[in-house]
Amino acid sequence: MIDIMKHYGKKFQLIKELIKKNDPLIIEIGAHFGEDTLRLLETFPNAEIHCFEPDSRNHAIFEKLVNNDHVKLYNFALSDKEGEAKFFRSYSDEKIEIVPEKYDFISLEEYVNEKLNGSGASSLKPGYPDILSKEYYVNTRRFDTWYADNQIGEIDFAWIDVQGAERDVINGMGDIIKQIKYIWMEFGEDQYQDAMNRQETIELLDSKSFDIITYLSSLERKGDLVFKNIS
């Protein structure tokens, strides 16, 4: 049995108190292995979650880990353009004798053979120093065009973890960002090209009519920021 909430209970309790809904509609942009998807499902068993993860390595683990009819997984990257883009797949080439605790749901053999070490730092943006040498391309979509195709309705919560590509994701939402009630996103991943710092992130979301929720947001150089739609 995976103890998926270990070390994360407080964070997800705060999300639960924020949303105040048993069956929220959630979008998760940058879903990695699906570990946060499982935490969202444990927090909101009746949630509908749309997950976006372009890295085939991560996508494969997600499909094994998350088996729930409430979840849909898409294998493309959200950005500000429709088409194809180079994707920088991160990988730390070091000898691994034990899988990191937070990924202990993956066998050591798979973790090594599928080159998963450090895969969470993959991005559409260059800058991370440890990447696989083979060039890799992914399909990209704007969220607003995807939304037009799927018509999922009002979105209660957006989780954005895209390693420096946050600006492109937000701009790719267009006016559909008005359909999102709350946004929880990372900031300050400054090793990536075009990454936003804390103030730049706040200013961008302010221009989209989102106010920062101070008590839930990091004050450090990097971390998480939480925003509420005030439009």
Protein backbone atom coordinates (compact mmCIF):
# COMPACT_ATOMS: atom_id res chain seq x y z
CA MET A 1 0.00 0.00 0.00
CA ILE A 2 1.49 3.33 -1.06
CA ASP A 3 1.55 5.97 1.67
CA ILE A 4 1.02 8.68 -0.93
CA MET A 5 0.13 11.39 1.62
CA LYS A 6 3.30 10.97 3.69
CA HIS A 7 4.79 14.45 4.28
CA TYR A 8 2.03 16.03 2.16
CA GLY A 9 -1.07 15.84 4.36
CA LYS A 10 -1.00 19.46 5.53
CA LYS A 11 -0.59 20.86 2.02
CA PHE A 12 -3.54 18.92 0.64
CA GLN A 13 -5.69 19.71 3.65
CA LEU A 14 -5.15 23.39 2.88
CA ILE A 15 -6.22 22.77 -0.72
CA LYS A 16 -9.35 21.02 0.55
CA GLU A 17 -10.20 23.95 2.82
CA LEU A 18 -9.62 26.35 -0.06
CA ILE A 19 -11.85 24.66 -2.61
CA LYS A 20 -14.69 23.72 -0.21
CA LYS A 21 -16.17 21.22 -2.65
CA ASN A 22 -16.38 17.42 -2.66
CA ASP A 23 -16.35 16.97 -6.43
CA PRO A 24 -14.14 19.72 -7.92
CA LEU A 25 -13.05 19.91 -11.53
CA ILE A 26 -9.24 20.04 -11.52
CA ILE A 27 -6.58 20.48 -14.18
CA GLU A 28 -3.07 19.32 -13.41
CA ILE A 29 -0.46 20.72 -15.79
CA GLY A 30 2.83 18.86 -15.41
CA ALA A 31 1.57 15.64 -13.84
CA HIS A 32 4.91 13.77 -13.65
CA PHE A 33 4.36 10.23 -12.32
CA GLY A 34 0.84 10.93 -11.05
CA GLU A 35 1.83 11.09 -7.40
CA ASP A 36 0.08 14.44 -6.86
CA THR A 37 -2.89 13.16 -8.86
CA LEU A 38 -3.28 10.38 -6.29
CA ARG A 39 -3.04 12.91 -3.48
CA LEU A 40 -5.74 15.01 -5.11
CA LEU A 41 -7.92 11.91 -5.47
CA GLU A 42 -7.42 11.02 -1.82
CA THR A 43 -8.36 14.57 -0.88
CA PHE A 44 -11.30 14.73 -3.31
CA PRO A 45 -12.48 11.16 -4.13
CA ASN A 46 -15.21 12.49 -6.44
CA ALA A 47 -13.02 14.96 -8.32
CA GLU A 48 -12.72 15.06 -12.10
CA ILE A 49 -9.04 15.59 -12.99
CA HIS A 50 -7.53 16.37 -16.39
CA CYS A 51 -3.77 15.76 -16.37
CA PHE A 52 -1.16 16.89 -18.89
CA GLU A 53 2.25 15.19 -19.06
CA PRO A 54 4.36 15.18 -22.26
CA ASP A 55 7.40 13.15 -21.13
CA SER A 56 6.88 9.55 -22.30
CA ARG A 57 8.91 8.21 -19.35
CA ASN A 58 6.67 9.89 -16.82
CA HIS A 59 3.54 9.15 -18.82
CA ALA A 60 4.26 5.40 -18.68
CA ILE A 61 4.63 5.44 -14.88
CA PHE A 62 1.48 7.53 -14.51
CA GLU A 63 -0.58 5.00 -16.46
CA LYS A 64 0.58 2.22 -14.12
CA LEU A 65 0.16 4.21 -10.92
CA VAL A 66 -3.15 5.98 -11.51
CA ASN A 67 -6.08 3.78 -12.42
CA ASN A 68 -9.21 5.82 -11.85
CA ASP A 69 -12.15 6.64 -14.08
CA HIS A 70 -12.19 10.18 -12.71
CA VAL A 71 -8.80 10.94 -14.28
CA LYS A 72 -7.91 11.65 -17.91
CA LEU A 73 -4.28 11.84 -19.02
CA TYR A 74 -3.05 13.75 -22.08
CA ASN A 75 0.42 13.19 -23.55
CA PHE A 76 1.18 16.68 -24.86
CA ALA A 77 2.53 19.87 -23.36
CA LEU A 78 0.43 22.96 -22.73
CA SER A 79 2.07 26.13 -23.99
CA ASP A 80 1.20 29.33 -25.87
CA LYS A 81 1.43 27.72 -29.33
CA GLU A 82 -0.16 24.83 -31.19
CA GLY A 83 2.35 22.54 -32.87
CA GLU A 84 5.56 20.81 -31.86
CA ALA A 85 8.45 21.88 -29.66
CA LYS A 86 11.76 20.58 -28.41
CA PHE A 87 11.45 19.12 -24.94
CA PHE A 88 14.41 18.91 -22.58
CA ARG A 89 14.22 15.60 -20.71
CA SER A 90 16.12 15.83 -17.46
CA TYR A 91 18.17 12.92 -16.17
CA SER A 92 20.73 12.65 -13.41
CA ASP A 93 23.34 10.12 -14.53
CA GLU A 94 24.51 8.86 -11.18
CA LYS A 95 24.65 5.40 -9.67
CA ILE A 96 21.37 4.66 -7.94
CA GLU A 97 21.20 1.91 -5.32
CA ILE A 98 17.84 2.85 -3.83
CA VAL A 99 14.84 4.70 -5.24
CA PRO A 100 14.24 8.07 -3.50
CA GLU A 101 11.66 7.69 -0.74
CA LYS A 102 9.07 9.88 -2.43
CA TYR A 103 9.12 7.57 -5.46
CA ASP A 104 9.19 4.28 -3.59
CA PHE A 105 6.19 3.08 -5.61
CA ILE A 106 8.64 2.49 -8.51
CA SER A 107 10.93 -0.53 -8.55
CA LEU A 108 14.68 0.08 -8.57
CA GLU A 109 14.99 -1.83 -11.84
CA GLU A 110 12.44 0.35 -13.61
CA TYR A 111 13.77 3.54 -12.07
CA VAL A 112 17.25 2.79 -13.43
CA ASN A 113 16.39 1.18 -16.75
CA GLU A 114 13.86 3.83 -17.78
CA LYS A 115 16.21 6.66 -16.76
CA LEU A 116 13.75 8.19 -14.33
CA ASN A 117 16.25 9.77 -11.96
CA GLY A 118 15.60 13.51 -12.03
CA SER A 119 12.83 13.28 -14.63
CA GLY A 120 10.69 15.77 -12.73
CA ALA A 121 12.93 18.61 -13.91
CA SER A 122 12.06 18.11 -17.60
CA SER A 123 10.78 21.21 -19.39
CA LEU A 124 9.96 22.95 -22.64
CA LYS A 125 12.55 25.48 -21.53
CA PRO A 126 16.31 24.93 -21.73
CA GLY A 127 18.60 25.61 -18.81
CA TYR A 128 18.54 22.56 -16.60
CA PRO A 129 22.10 21.15 -16.74
CA ASP A 130 21.42 17.39 -16.61
CA ILE A 131 19.45 16.25 -19.65
CA LEU A 132 19.38 13.28 -22.00
CA SER A 133 21.51 13.92 -25.09
CA LYS A 134 19.03 12.58 -27.64
CA GLU A 135 16.77 15.33 -28.99
CA TYR A 136 13.12 14.87 -28.10
CA TYR A 137 10.05 16.66 -29.42
CA VAL A 138 6.52 16.84 -28.06
CA ASN A 139 3.20 18.09 -29.33
CA THR A 140 2.07 21.37 -27.81
CA ARG A 141 -1.38 22.85 -27.40
CA ARG A 142 -2.85 26.05 -26.07
CA PHE A 143 -5.18 25.42 -23.18
CA ASP A 144 -7.90 27.62 -24.67
CA THR A 145 -8.05 25.58 -27.90
CA TRP A 146 -8.03 22.31 -25.93
CA TYR A 147 -10.82 23.70 -23.76
CA ALA A 148 -12.86 24.66 -26.83
CA ASP A 149 -12.61 21.05 -28.02
CA ASN A 150 -13.55 19.54 -24.65
CA GLN A 151 -15.98 22.04 -23.05
CA ILE A 152 -15.38 20.83 -19.50
CA GLY A 153 -17.09 23.81 -17.83
CA GLU A 154 -15.92 25.89 -14.87
CA ILE A 155 -12.63 24.75 -13.37
CA ASP A 156 -12.32 24.79 -9.59
CA PHE A 157 -8.57 24.36 -9.32
CA ALA A 158 -5.51 24.46 -11.58
CA TRP A 159 -2.22 22.92 -10.48
CA ILE A 160 0.71 24.17 -12.59
CA ASP A 161 4.19 22.62 -12.24
CA VAL A 162 6.04 23.14 -15.52
CA GLN A 163 9.63 24.02 -14.62
CA GLY A 164 10.02 27.54 -15.97
CA ALA A 165 7.32 27.39 -18.67
CA GLU A 166 4.63 28.97 -16.47
CA ARG A 167 4.33 32.19 -18.49
CA ASP A 168 3.65 30.28 -21.71
CA VAL A 169 1.03 28.10 -20.02
CA ILE A 170 -0.80 31.09 -18.57
CA ASN A 171 -0.70 33.03 -21.84
CA GLY A 172 -1.94 29.94 -23.68
CA MET A 173 -5.07 29.99 -21.54
CA GLY A 174 -6.28 33.19 -23.21
CA ASP A 175 -9.68 34.34 -21.95
CA ILE A 176 -10.47 30.82 -20.73
CA ILE A 177 -8.42 31.59 -17.64
CA LYS A 178 -11.59 33.34 -16.46
CA GLN A 179 -13.13 29.86 -16.08
CA ILE A 180 -10.62 28.95 -13.35
CA LYS A 181 -11.40 29.74 -9.70
CA TYR A 182 -8.02 29.01 -8.09
CA ILE A 183 -4.49 28.54 -9.40
CA TRP A 184 -1.64 26.92 -7.44
CA MET A 185 1.68 27.21 -9.24
CA GLU A 186 5.43 27.02 -8.80
CA PHE A 187 7.71 30.00 -9.32
CA GLY A 188 11.37 30.89 -9.20
CA GLU A 189 12.84 27.98 -11.17
CA ASP A 190 15.49 30.42 -12.38
CA GLN A 191 17.83 27.92 -14.01
CA TYR A 192 15.31 27.70 -16.87
CA GLN A 193 15.17 30.20 -19.71
CA ASP A 194 12.21 32.63 -19.34
CA ALA A 195 11.34 31.46 -15.82
CA MET A 196 9.49 34.03 -13.71
CA ASN A 197 10.46 35.17 -10.24
CA ARG A 198 7.92 35.78 -7.49
CA GLN A 199 7.08 39.36 -8.43
CA GLU A 200 6.83 38.62 -12.14
CA THR A 201 4.45 35.75 -11.42
CA ILE A 202 2.25 37.92 -9.22
CA GLU A 203 2.18 40.69 -11.83
CA LEU A 204 1.24 38.30 -14.63
CA LEU A 205 -1.62 36.78 -12.65
CA ASP A 206 -2.75 40.23 -11.53
CA SER A 207 -3.06 41.21 -15.20
CA LYS A 208 -5.40 38.20 -15.59
CA SER A 209 -7.56 39.34 -12.61
CA PHE A 210 -6.15 36.93 -10.03
CA ASP A 211 -5.23 37.99 -6.49
CA ILE A 212 -2.52 36.24 -4.50
CA ILE A 213 -3.67 34.35 -1.40
CA THR A 214 -0.87 35.42 0.88
CA TYR A 215 -1.25 32.91 3.71
CA LEU A 216 -0.88 30.01 1.26
CA SER A 217 2.00 31.47 -0.75
CA SER A 218 5.75 31.20 -0.34
CA LEU A 219 7.84 34.25 0.56
CA GLU A 220 11.14 32.68 -0.46
CA ARG A 221 13.07 33.00 -3.74
CA LYS A 222 11.26 29.94 -5.09
CA GLY A 223 8.23 27.93 -4.05
CA ASP A 224 4.47 27.97 -4.58
CA LEU A 225 2.02 30.80 -5.14
CA VAL A 226 -1.75 30.50 -4.83
CA PHE A 227 -4.19 32.80 -6.62
CA LYS A 228 -7.93 33.45 -6.53
CA ASN A 229 -9.96 34.62 -9.52
CA ILE A 230 -11.52 38.01 -8.75
CA SER A 231 -12.99 38.76 -12.19
